[in-house]
Amino acid sequence: EILVNPTANIFRKTSDALLTTHVKTALATDPRISARNVK
């Protein structure tokens, strides 16, 4: 899934890190799924 695109800058990397955290939090707080089984 590599993109032919300019490399992500520090702001984009920070935004992506926050996205990952928010999605993980949503998974961890929903009883219908085990966040341990999703990367």
Full PDB file with SEQRES, HELIX, SHEET, SSBOND, CRYST1, ORIGX, SCALE, CONECT and MASTER records, all heavy atoms in Angstrom:
SEQRES   1 A   39  GLU ILE LEU VAL ASN PRO THR ALA ASN ILE PHE ARG LYS          
SEQRES   2 A   39  THR SER ASP ALA LEU LEU THR THR HIS VAL LYS THR ALA          
SEQRES   3 A   39  LEU ALA THR ASP PRO ARG ILE SER ALA ARG ASN VAL LYS          
HELIX    1 AA1 ILE A   10  ALA A   28  1                                  19    
HELIX    2 AA2 ALA A   35  ASN A   37  5                                   3    
CRYST1    1.000    1.000    1.000  90.00  90.00  90.00 P 1           1          
ORIGX1      1.000000  0.000000  0.000000        0.00000                         
ORIGX2      0.000000  1.000000  0.000000        0.00000                         
ORIGX3      0.000000  0.000000  1.000000        0.00000                         
SCALE1      1.000000  0.000000  0.000000        0.00000                         
SCALE2      0.000000  1.000000  0.000000        0.00000                         
SCALE3      0.000000  0.000000  1.000000        0.00000                         
ATOM      1  N   GLU A   1       0.827  -1.207   0.000  1.00  0.00           N  
ATOM      2  CA  GLU A   1       0.000   0.000   0.000  1.00  0.00           C  
ATOM      3  C   GLU A   1       0.865   1.263   0.000  1.00  0.00           C  
ATOM      4  O   GLU A   1       0.396   2.346   0.386  1.00  0.00           O  
ATOM      5  CB  GLU A   1      -0.923  -0.010   1.220  1.00  0.00           C  
ATOM      6  CG  GLU A   1      -2.026  -1.044   1.149  1.00  0.00           C  
ATOM      7  CD  GLU A   1      -3.076  -0.710   0.101  1.00  0.00           C  
ATOM      8  OE1 GLU A   1      -3.549   0.441   0.072  1.00  0.00           O  
ATOM      9  OE2 GLU A   1      -3.410  -1.603  -0.702  1.00  0.00           O  
ATOM     10  N   ILE A   2       2.107   1.138  -0.440  1.00  0.00           N  
ATOM     11  CA  ILE A   2       2.999   2.295  -0.516  1.00  0.00           C  
ATOM     12  C   ILE A   2       2.463   3.270  -1.565  1.00  0.00           C  
ATOM     13  O   ILE A   2       2.038   2.866  -2.640  1.00  0.00           O  
ATOM     14  CB  ILE A   2       4.429   1.856  -0.878  1.00  0.00           C  
ATOM     15  CG1 ILE A   2       5.000   0.956   0.217  1.00  0.00           C  
ATOM     16  CG2 ILE A   2       5.329   3.061  -1.095  1.00  0.00           C  
ATOM     17  CD1 ILE A   2       6.321   0.307  -0.156  1.00  0.00           C  
ATOM     18  N   LEU A   3       2.501   4.548  -1.240  1.00  0.00           N  
ATOM     19  CA  LEU A   3       2.026   5.581  -2.156  1.00  0.00           C  
ATOM     20  C   LEU A   3       3.199   6.251  -2.863  1.00  0.00           C  
ATOM     21  O   LEU A   3       4.241   6.486  -2.251  1.00  0.00           O  
ATOM     22  CB  LEU A   3       1.239   6.643  -1.392  1.00  0.00           C  
ATOM     23  CG  LEU A   3      -0.009   6.180  -0.622  1.00  0.00           C  
ATOM     24  CD1 LEU A   3      -0.596   7.349   0.160  1.00  0.00           C  
ATOM     25  CD2 LEU A   3      -1.039   5.595  -1.580  1.00  0.00           C  
ATOM     26  N   VAL A   4       3.023   6.546  -4.149  1.00  0.00           N  
ATOM     27  CA  VAL A   4       3.989   7.379  -4.864  1.00  0.00           C  
ATOM     28  C   VAL A   4       3.573   8.818  -4.573  1.00  0.00           C  
ATOM     29  O   VAL A   4       2.661   9.358  -5.193  1.00  0.00           O  
ATOM     30  CB  VAL A   4       3.976   7.085  -6.376  1.00  0.00           C  
ATOM     31  CG1 VAL A   4       4.964   7.999  -7.095  1.00  0.00           C  
ATOM     32  CG2 VAL A   4       4.309   5.622  -6.639  1.00  0.00           C  
ATOM     33  N   ASN A   5       4.263   9.378  -3.592  1.00  0.00           N  
ATOM     34  CA  ASN A   5       3.808  10.648  -3.041  1.00  0.00           C  
ATOM     35  C   ASN A   5       4.953  11.255  -2.232  1.00  0.00           C  
ATOM     36  O   ASN A   5       5.808  10.528  -1.720  1.00  0.00           O  
ATOM     37  CB  ASN A   5       2.607  10.380  -2.122  1.00  0.00           C  
ATOM     38  CG  ASN A   5       1.759  11.601  -1.859  1.00  0.00           C  
ATOM     39  OD1 ASN A   5       1.112  12.112  -2.764  1.00  0.00           O  
ATOM     40  ND2 ASN A   5       1.756  12.071  -0.625  1.00  0.00           N  
ATOM     41  N   PRO A   6       5.012  12.576  -2.082  1.00  0.00           N  
ATOM     42  CA  PRO A   6       6.024  13.160  -1.197  1.00  0.00           C  
ATOM     43  C   PRO A   6       5.912  12.569   0.203  1.00  0.00           C  
ATOM     44  O   PRO A   6       4.815  12.274   0.683  1.00  0.00           O  
ATOM     45  CB  PRO A   6       5.671  14.657  -1.206  1.00  0.00           C  
ATOM     46  CG  PRO A   6       5.004  14.868  -2.523  1.00  0.00           C  
ATOM     47  CD  PRO A   6       4.215  13.607  -2.768  1.00  0.00           C  
ATOM     48  N   THR A   7       7.030  12.367   0.862  1.00  0.00           N  
ATOM     49  CA  THR A   7       7.018  11.751   2.192  1.00  0.00           C  
ATOM     50  C   THR A   7       6.284  12.621   3.201  1.00  0.00           C  
ATOM     51  O   THR A   7       6.282  13.851   3.100  1.00  0.00           O  
ATOM     52  CB  THR A   7       8.445  11.486   2.696  1.00  0.00           C  
ATOM     53  OG1 THR A   7       9.184  12.713   2.669  1.00  0.00           O  
ATOM     54  CG2 THR A   7       9.132  10.450   1.835  1.00  0.00           C  
ATOM     55  N   ALA A   8       5.662  11.972   4.158  1.00  0.00           N  
ATOM     56  CA  ALA A   8       4.887  12.676   5.175  1.00  0.00           C  
ATOM     57  C   ALA A   8       5.796  13.568   6.023  1.00  0.00           C  
ATOM     58  O   ALA A   8       6.868  13.143   6.457  1.00  0.00           O  
ATOM     59  CB  ALA A   8       4.156  11.670   6.059  1.00  0.00           C  
ATOM     60  N   ASN A   9       5.352  14.801   6.270  1.00  0.00           N  
ATOM     61  CA  ASN A   9       6.114  15.693   7.146  1.00  0.00           C  
ATOM     62  C   ASN A   9       5.744  15.425   8.596  1.00  0.00           C  
ATOM     63  O   ASN A   9       4.888  14.592   8.900  1.00  0.00           O  
ATOM     64  CB  ASN A   9       5.884  17.163   6.770  1.00  0.00           C  
ATOM     65  CG  ASN A   9       4.409  17.560   6.830  1.00  0.00           C  
ATOM     66  OD1 ASN A   9       3.642  17.049   7.654  1.00  0.00           O  
ATOM     67  ND2 ASN A   9       4.009  18.467   5.953  1.00  0.00           N  
ATOM     68  N   ILE A  10       6.376  16.133   9.508  1.00  0.00           N  
ATOM     69  CA  ILE A  10       6.180  15.898  10.935  1.00  0.00           C  
ATOM     70  C   ILE A  10       4.742  16.133  11.350  1.00  0.00           C  
ATOM     71  O   ILE A  10       4.195  15.435  12.210  1.00  0.00           O  
ATOM     72  CB  ILE A  10       7.143  16.775  11.775  1.00  0.00           C  
ATOM     73  CG1 ILE A  10       7.017  16.418  13.254  1.00  0.00           C  
ATOM     74  CG2 ILE A  10       6.873  18.249  11.517  1.00  0.00           C  
ATOM     75  CD1 ILE A  10       7.398  15.003  13.584  1.00  0.00           C  
ATOM     76  N   PHE A  11       4.070  17.090  10.710  1.00  0.00           N  
ATOM     77  CA  PHE A  11       2.684  17.369  11.060  1.00  0.00           C  
ATOM     78  C   PHE A  11       1.770  16.227  10.624  1.00  0.00           C  
ATOM     79  O   PHE A  11       0.859  15.830  11.358  1.00  0.00           O  
ATOM     80  CB  PHE A  11       2.247  18.688  10.415  1.00  0.00           C  
ATOM     81  CG  PHE A  11       3.068  19.866  10.841  1.00  0.00           C  
ATOM     82  CD1 PHE A  11       3.999  20.430   9.975  1.00  0.00           C  
ATOM     83  CD2 PHE A  11       2.932  20.405  12.112  1.00  0.00           C  
ATOM     84  CE1 PHE A  11       4.774  21.506  10.372  1.00  0.00           C  
ATOM     85  CE2 PHE A  11       3.703  21.494  12.514  1.00  0.00           C  
ATOM     86  CZ  PHE A  11       4.628  22.042  11.645  1.00  0.00           C  
ATOM     87  N   ARG A  12       2.026  15.683   9.430  1.00  0.00           N  
ATOM     88  CA  ARG A  12       1.232  14.564   8.947  1.00  0.00           C  
ATOM     89  C   ARG A  12       1.475  13.321   9.806  1.00  0.00           C  
ATOM     90  O   ARG A  12       0.531  12.592  10.130  1.00  0.00           O  
ATOM     91  CB  ARG A  12       1.600  14.276   7.492  1.00  0.00           C  
ATOM     92  CG  ARG A  12       0.831  13.143   6.823  1.00  0.00           C  
ATOM     93  CD  ARG A  12      -0.623  13.505   6.613  1.00  0.00           C  
ATOM     94  NE  ARG A  12      -1.494  12.929   7.642  1.00  0.00           N  
ATOM     95  CZ  ARG A  12      -2.787  13.161   7.707  1.00  0.00           C  
ATOM     96  NH1 ARG A  12      -3.370  13.971   6.846  1.00  0.00           N  
ATOM     97  NH2 ARG A  12      -3.523  12.600   8.658  1.00  0.00           N  
ATOM     98  N   LYS A  13       2.722  13.092  10.173  1.00  0.00           N  
ATOM     99  CA  LYS A  13       3.040  11.942  11.021  1.00  0.00           C  
ATOM    100  C   LYS A  13       2.353  12.054  12.371  1.00  0.00           C  
ATOM    101  O   LYS A  13       1.826  11.069  12.908  1.00  0.00           O  
ATOM    102  CB  LYS A  13       4.555  11.828  11.206  1.00  0.00           C  
ATOM    103  CG  LYS A  13       5.325  11.441   9.957  1.00  0.00           C  
ATOM    104  CD  LYS A  13       6.818  11.423  10.234  1.00  0.00           C  
ATOM    105  CE  LYS A  13       7.621  11.124   8.992  1.00  0.00           C  
ATOM    106  NZ  LYS A  13       9.082  11.165   9.245  1.00  0.00           N  
ATOM    107  N   THR A  14       2.345  13.266  12.930  1.00  0.00           N  
ATOM    108  CA  THR A  14       1.686  13.482  14.218  1.00  0.00           C  
ATOM    109  C   THR A  14       0.186  13.249  14.101  1.00  0.00           C  
ATOM    110  O   THR A  14      -0.434  12.611  14.958  1.00  0.00           O  
ATOM    111  CB  THR A  14       1.943  14.910  14.724  1.00  0.00           C  
ATOM    112  OG1 THR A  14       3.352  15.108  14.877  1.00  0.00           O  
ATOM    113  CG2 THR A  14       1.255  15.145  16.064  1.00  0.00           C  
ATOM    114  N   SER A  15      -0.391  13.737  13.004  1.00  0.00           N  
ATOM    115  CA  SER A  15      -1.820  13.543  12.774  1.00  0.00           C  
ATOM    116  C   SER A  15      -2.157  12.069  12.629  1.00  0.00           C  
ATOM    117  O   SER A  15      -3.154  11.585  13.179  1.00  0.00           O  
ATOM    118  CB  SER A  15      -2.246  14.314  11.523  1.00  0.00           C  
ATOM    119  OG  SER A  15      -3.625  14.119  11.263  1.00  0.00           O  
ATOM    120  N   ASP A  16      -1.318  11.337  11.901  1.00  0.00           N  
ATOM    121  CA  ASP A  16      -1.553   9.902  11.726  1.00  0.00           C  
ATOM    122  C   ASP A  16      -1.428   9.153  13.051  1.00  0.00           C  
ATOM    123  O   ASP A  16      -2.190   8.225  13.322  1.00  0.00           O  
ATOM    124  CB  ASP A  16      -0.565   9.328  10.706  1.00  0.00           C  
ATOM    125  CG  ASP A  16      -0.914   9.714   9.274  1.00  0.00           C  
ATOM    126  OD1 ASP A  16      -2.090  10.023   9.011  1.00  0.00           O  
ATOM    127  OD2 ASP A  16      -0.007   9.708   8.426  1.00  0.00           O  
ATOM    128  N   ALA A  17      -0.470   9.558  13.868  1.00  0.00           N  
ATOM    129  CA  ALA A  17      -0.304   8.918  15.180  1.00  0.00           C  
ATOM    130  C   ALA A  17      -1.543   9.130  16.044  1.00  0.00           C  
ATOM    131  O   ALA A  17      -1.992   8.216  16.763  1.00  0.00           O  
ATOM    132  CB  ALA A  17       0.930   9.474  15.876  1.00  0.00           C  
ATOM    133  N   LEU A  18      -2.120  10.326  15.968  1.00  0.00           N  
ATOM    134  CA  LEU A  18      -3.341  10.616  16.721  1.00  0.00           C  
ATOM    135  C   LEU A  18      -4.516   9.796  16.185  1.00  0.00           C  
ATOM    136  O   LEU A  18      -5.339   9.294  16.968  1.00  0.00           O  
ATOM    137  CB  LEU A  18      -3.659  12.106  16.649  1.00  0.00           C  
ATOM    138  CG  LEU A  18      -2.762  13.025  17.480  1.00  0.00           C  
ATOM    139  CD1 LEU A  18      -3.086  14.488  17.195  1.00  0.00           C  
ATOM    140  CD2 LEU A  18      -2.927  12.732  18.966  1.00  0.00           C  
ATOM    141  N   LEU A  19      -4.580   9.659  14.857  1.00  0.00           N  
ATOM    142  CA  LEU A  19      -5.634   8.834  14.272  1.00  0.00           C  
ATOM    143  C   LEU A  19      -5.564   7.404  14.796  1.00  0.00           C  
ATOM    144  O   LEU A  19      -6.567   6.811  15.173  1.00  0.00           O  
ATOM    145  CB  LEU A  19      -5.506   8.816  12.745  1.00  0.00           C  
ATOM    146  CG  LEU A  19      -6.152   9.944  11.942  1.00  0.00           C  
ATOM    147  CD1 LEU A  19      -6.013   9.661  10.460  1.00  0.00           C  
ATOM    148  CD2 LEU A  19      -7.599  10.126  12.315  1.00  0.00           C  
ATOM    149  N   THR A  20      -4.350   6.850  14.807  1.00  0.00           N  
ATOM    150  CA  THR A  20      -4.166   5.493  15.312  1.00  0.00           C  
ATOM    151  C   THR A  20      -4.642   5.375  16.753  1.00  0.00           C  
ATOM    152  O   THR A  20      -5.349   4.425  17.120  1.00  0.00           O  
ATOM    153  CB  THR A  20      -2.685   5.079  15.214  1.00  0.00           C  
ATOM    154  OG1 THR A  20      -2.299   5.041  13.832  1.00  0.00           O  
ATOM    155  CG2 THR A  20      -2.446   3.704  15.827  1.00  0.00           C  
ATOM    156  N   THR A  21      -4.277   6.347  17.571  1.00  0.00           N  
ATOM    157  CA  THR A  21      -4.685   6.343  18.976  1.00  0.00           C  
ATOM    158  C   THR A  21      -6.196   6.404  19.114  1.00  0.00           C  
ATOM    159  O   THR A  21      -6.801   5.664  19.904  1.00  0.00           O  
ATOM    160  CB  THR A  21      -4.050   7.530  19.725  1.00  0.00           C  
ATOM    161  OG1 THR A  21      -2.626   7.399  19.680  1.00  0.00           O  
ATOM    162  CG2 THR A  21      -4.505   7.570  21.171  1.00  0.00           C  
ATOM    163  N   HIS A  22      -6.832   7.275  18.336  1.00  0.00           N  
ATOM    164  CA  HIS A  22      -8.284   7.425  18.427  1.00  0.00           C  
ATOM    165  C   HIS A  22      -9.017   6.171  17.969  1.00  0.00           C  
ATOM    166  O   HIS A  22     -10.015   5.763  18.585  1.00  0.00           O  
ATOM    167  CB  HIS A  22      -8.726   8.623  17.588  1.00  0.00           C  
ATOM    168  CG  HIS A  22      -8.266   9.938  18.142  1.00  0.00           C  
ATOM    169  ND1 HIS A  22      -8.177  11.085  17.383  1.00  0.00           N  
ATOM    170  CD2 HIS A  22      -7.869  10.296  19.389  1.00  0.00           C  
ATOM    171  CE1 HIS A  22      -7.743  12.075  18.126  1.00  0.00           C  
ATOM    172  NE2 HIS A  22      -7.538  11.620  19.352  1.00  0.00           N  
ATOM    173  N   VAL A  23      -8.526   5.532  16.900  1.00  0.00           N  
ATOM    174  CA  VAL A  23      -9.165   4.308  16.425  1.00  0.00           C  
ATOM    175  C   VAL A  23      -8.967   3.181  17.445  1.00  0.00           C  
ATOM    176  O   VAL A  23      -9.903   2.425  17.744  1.00  0.00           O  
ATOM    177  CB  VAL A  23      -8.616   3.889  15.048  1.00  0.00           C  
ATOM    178  CG1 VAL A  23      -9.162   2.519  14.647  1.00  0.00           C  
ATOM    179  CG2 VAL A  23      -8.986   4.927  13.999  1.00  0.00           C  
ATOM    180  N   LYS A  24      -7.773   3.083  17.992  1.00  0.00           N  
ATOM    181  CA  LYS A  24      -7.511   2.055  19.014  1.00  0.00           C  
ATOM    182  C   LYS A  24      -8.416   2.249  20.223  1.00  0.00           C  
ATOM    183  O   LYS A  24      -8.928   1.280  20.800  1.00  0.00           O  
ATOM    184  CB  LYS A  24      -6.042   2.107  19.448  1.00  0.00           C  
ATOM    185  CG  LYS A  24      -5.069   1.503  18.457  1.00  0.00           C  
ATOM    186  CD  LYS A  24      -3.650   1.547  19.014  1.00  0.00           C  
ATOM    187  CE  LYS A  24      -2.664   0.858  18.100  1.00  0.00           C  
ATOM    188  NZ  LYS A  24      -1.289   0.902  18.649  1.00  0.00           N  
ATOM    189  N   THR A  25      -8.610   3.499  20.615  1.00  0.00           N  
ATOM    190  CA  THR A  25      -9.481   3.798  21.761  1.00  0.00           C  
ATOM    191  C   THR A  25     -10.915   3.384  21.465  1.00  0.00           C  
ATOM    192  O   THR A  25     -11.600   2.792  22.310  1.00  0.00           O  
ATOM    193  CB  THR A  25      -9.432   5.293  22.094  1.00  0.00           C  
ATOM    194  OG1 THR A  25      -8.093   5.660  22.438  1.00  0.00           O  
ATOM    195  CG2 THR A  25     -10.364   5.625  23.258  1.00  0.00           C  
ATOM    196  N   ALA A  26     -11.378   3.680  20.247  1.00  0.00           N  
ATOM    197  CA  ALA A  26     -12.734   3.290  19.869  1.00  0.00           C  
ATOM    198  C   ALA A  26     -12.895   1.776  19.902  1.00  0.00           C  
ATOM    199  O   ALA A  26     -13.918   1.255  20.368  1.00  0.00           O  
ATOM    200  CB  ALA A  26     -13.057   3.835  18.478  1.00  0.00           C  
ATOM    201  N   LEU A  27     -11.901   1.052  19.415  1.00  0.00           N  
ATOM    202  CA  LEU A  27     -11.954  -0.411  19.428  1.00  0.00           C  
ATOM    203  C   LEU A  27     -11.924  -0.953  20.853  1.00  0.00           C  
ATOM    204  O   LEU A  27     -12.642  -1.897  21.192  1.00  0.00           O  
ATOM    205  CB  LEU A  27     -10.780  -0.986  18.632  1.00  0.00           C  
ATOM    206  CG  LEU A  27     -10.758  -0.722  17.126  1.00  0.00           C  
ATOM    207  CD1 LEU A  27      -9.445  -1.196  16.523  1.00  0.00           C  
ATOM    208  CD2 LEU A  27     -11.929  -1.399  16.440  1.00  0.00           C  
ATOM    209  N   ALA A  28     -11.085  -0.350  21.689  1.00  0.00           N  
ATOM    210  CA  ALA A  28     -10.907  -0.842  23.056  1.00  0.00           C  
ATOM    211  C   ALA A  28     -12.131  -0.626  23.925  1.00  0.00           C  
ATOM    212  O   ALA A  28     -12.331  -1.352  24.909  1.00  0.00           O  
ATOM    213  CB  ALA A  28      -9.691  -0.165  23.689  1.00  0.00           C  
ATOM    214  N   THR A  29     -12.944   0.342  23.574  1.00  0.00           N  
ATOM    215  CA  THR A  29     -14.104   0.672  24.416  1.00  0.00           C  
ATOM    216  C   THR A  29     -15.405   0.088  23.872  1.00  0.00           C  
ATOM    217  O   THR A  29     -16.467   0.322  24.454  1.00  0.00           O  
ATOM    218  CB  THR A  29     -14.252   2.203  24.543  1.00  0.00           C  
ATOM    219  OG1 THR A  29     -14.316   2.789  23.240  1.00  0.00           O  
ATOM    220  CG2 THR A  29     -13.078   2.797  25.303  1.00  0.00           C  
ATOM    221  N   ASP A  30     -15.337  -0.665  22.788  1.00  0.00           N  
ATOM    222  CA  ASP A  30     -16.540  -1.290  22.240  1.00  0.00           C  
ATOM    223  C   ASP A  30     -16.560  -2.768  22.625  1.00  0.00           C  
ATOM    224  O   ASP A  30     -15.635  -3.511  22.279  1.00  0.00           O  
ATOM    225  CB  ASP A  30     -16.566  -1.138  20.714  1.00  0.00           C  
ATOM    226  CG  ASP A  30     -17.934  -1.465  20.137  1.00  0.00           C  
ATOM    227  OD1 ASP A  30     -18.407  -2.600  20.343  1.00  0.00           O  
ATOM    228  OD2 ASP A  30     -18.515  -0.579  19.491  1.00  0.00           O  
ATOM    229  N   PRO A  31     -17.596  -3.219  23.344  1.00  0.00           N  
ATOM    230  CA  PRO A  31     -17.633  -4.612  23.822  1.00  0.00           C  
ATOM    231  C   PRO A  31     -17.827  -5.643  22.721  1.00  0.00           C  
ATOM    232  O   PRO A  31     -17.677  -6.847  22.965  1.00  0.00           O  
ATOM    233  CB  PRO A  31     -18.834  -4.603  24.781  1.00  0.00           C  
ATOM    234  CG  PRO A  31     -19.715  -3.511  24.255  1.00  0.00           C  
ATOM    235  CD  PRO A  31     -18.769  -2.453  23.760  1.00  0.00           C  
ATOM    236  N   ARG A  32     -18.134  -5.198  21.509  1.00  0.00           N  
ATOM    237  CA  ARG A  32     -18.387  -6.157  20.425  1.00  0.00           C  
ATOM    238  C   ARG A  32     -17.115  -6.705  19.798  1.00  0.00           C  
ATOM    239  O   ARG A  32     -17.174  -7.634  18.985  1.00  0.00           O  
ATOM    240  CB  ARG A  32     -19.244  -5.494  19.340  1.00  0.00           C  
ATOM    241  CG  ARG A  32     -20.638  -5.091  19.781  1.00  0.00           C  
ATOM    242  CD  ARG A  32     -21.318  -4.276  18.697  1.00  0.00           C  
ATOM    243  NE  ARG A  32     -20.626  -3.006  18.482  1.00  0.00           N  
ATOM    244  CZ  ARG A  32     -20.918  -2.170  17.474  1.00  0.00           C  
ATOM    245  NH1 ARG A  32     -21.849  -2.502  16.598  1.00  0.00           N  
ATOM    246  NH2 ARG A  32     -20.262  -1.029  17.351  1.00  0.00           N  
ATOM    247  N   ILE A  33     -15.974  -6.146  20.154  1.00  0.00           N  
ATOM    248  CA  ILE A  33     -14.727  -6.560  19.514  1.00  0.00           C  
ATOM    249  C   ILE A  33     -13.581  -6.503  20.510  1.00  0.00           C  
ATOM    250  O   ILE A  33     -13.587  -5.679  21.434  1.00  0.00           O  
ATOM    251  CB  ILE A  33     -14.425  -5.653  18.295  1.00  0.00           C  
ATOM    252  CG1 ILE A  33     -13.248  -6.213  17.488  1.00  0.00           C  
ATOM    253  CG2 ILE A  33     -14.192  -4.217  18.710  1.00  0.00           C  
ATOM    254  CD1 ILE A  33     -13.079  -5.534  16.139  1.00  0.00           C  
ATOM    255  N   SER A  34     -12.610  -7.380  20.342  1.00  0.00           N  
ATOM    256  CA  SER A  34     -11.407  -7.358  21.164  1.00  0.00           C  
ATOM    257  C   SER A  34     -10.319  -6.597  20.415  1.00  0.00           C  
ATOM    258  O   SER A  34      -9.839  -7.044  19.377  1.00  0.00           O  
ATOM    259  CB  SER A  34     -10.920  -8.783  21.466  1.00  0.00           C  
ATOM    260  OG  SER A  34      -9.659  -8.742  22.096  1.00  0.00           O  
ATOM    261  N   ALA A  35      -9.951  -5.438  20.949  1.00  0.00           N  
ATOM    262  CA  ALA A  35      -8.931  -4.613  20.295  1.00  0.00           C  
ATOM    263  C   ALA A  35      -7.604  -5.343  20.206  1.00  0.00           C  
ATOM    264  O   ALA A  35      -6.769  -5.027  19.346  1.00  0.00           O  
ATOM    265  CB  ALA A  35      -8.762  -3.301  21.058  1.00  0.00           C  
ATOM    266  N   ARG A  36      -7.393  -6.341  21.061  1.00  0.00           N  
ATOM    267  CA  ARG A  36      -6.148  -7.102  21.048  1.00  0.00           C  
ATOM    268  C   ARG A  36      -5.944  -7.828  19.715  1.00  0.00           C  
ATOM    269  O   ARG A  36      -4.814  -8.107  19.323  1.00  0.00           O  
ATOM    270  CB  ARG A  36      -6.158  -8.111  22.206  1.00  0.00           C  
ATOM    271  CG  ARG A  36      -4.891  -8.932  22.365  1.00  0.00           C  
ATOM    272  CD  ARG A  36      -5.051  -9.929  23.491  1.00  0.00           C  
ATOM    273  NE  ARG A  36      -3.852 -10.731  23.670  1.00  0.00           N  
ATOM    274  CZ  ARG A  36      -2.829 -10.409  24.446  1.00  0.00           C  
ATOM    275  NH1 ARG A  36      -2.870  -9.277  25.122  1.00  0.00           N  
ATOM    276  NH2 ARG A  36      -1.782 -11.197  24.568  1.00  0.00           N  
ATOM    277  N   ASN A  37      -7.034  -8.116  19.022  1.00  0.00           N  
ATOM    278  CA  ASN A  37      -6.950  -8.886  17.787  1.00  0.00           C  
ATOM    279  C   ASN A  37      -6.947  -8.023  16.530  1.00  0.00           C  
ATOM    280  O   ASN A  37      -7.063  -8.545  15.417  1.00  0.00           O  
ATOM    281  CB  ASN A  37      -8.118  -9.880  17.724  1.00  0.00           C  
ATOM    282  CG  ASN A  37      -7.989 -10.962  18.776  1.00  0.00           C  
ATOM    283  OD1 ASN A  37      -6.928 -11.548  18.932  1.00  0.00           O  
ATOM    284  ND2 ASN A  37      -9.058 -11.208  19.510  1.00  0.00           N  
ATOM    285  N   VAL A  38      -6.825  -6.711  16.706  1.00  0.00           N  
ATOM    286  CA  VAL A  38      -6.798  -5.807  15.563  1.00  0.00           C  
ATOM    287  C   VAL A  38      -5.585  -4.889  15.670  1.00  0.00           C  
ATOM    288  O   VAL A  38      -5.392  -4.229  16.689  1.00  0.00           O  
ATOM    289  CB  VAL A  38      -8.075  -4.949  15.480  1.00  0.00           C  
ATOM    290  CG1 VAL A  38      -8.005  -4.009  14.281  1.00  0.00           C  
ATOM    291  CG2 VAL A  38      -9.315  -5.825  15.392  1.00  0.00           C  
ATOM    292  N   LYS A  39      -4.776  -4.860  14.628  1.00  0.00           N  
ATOM    293  CA  LYS A  39      -3.640  -3.936  14.570  1.00  0.00           C  
ATOM    294  C   LYS A  39      -4.031  -2.757  13.697  1.00  0.00           C  
ATOM    295  O   LYS A  39      -4.572  -2.937  12.601  1.00  0.00           O  
ATOM    296  CB  LYS A  39      -2.400  -4.631  14.019  1.00  0.00           C  
ATOM    297  CG  LYS A  39      -1.191  -3.702  13.882  1.00  0.00           C  
ATOM    298  CD  LYS A  39       0.098  -4.478  13.617  1.00  0.00           C  
ATOM    299  CE  LYS A  39       0.640  -5.093  14.891  1.00  0.00           C  
ATOM    300  NZ  LYS A  39       2.025  -5.616  14.728  1.00  0.00           N  
TER     301      LYS A  39                                                      
MASTER        0    0    0    2    0    0    0    6  300    1    0    3          
END                                                                             
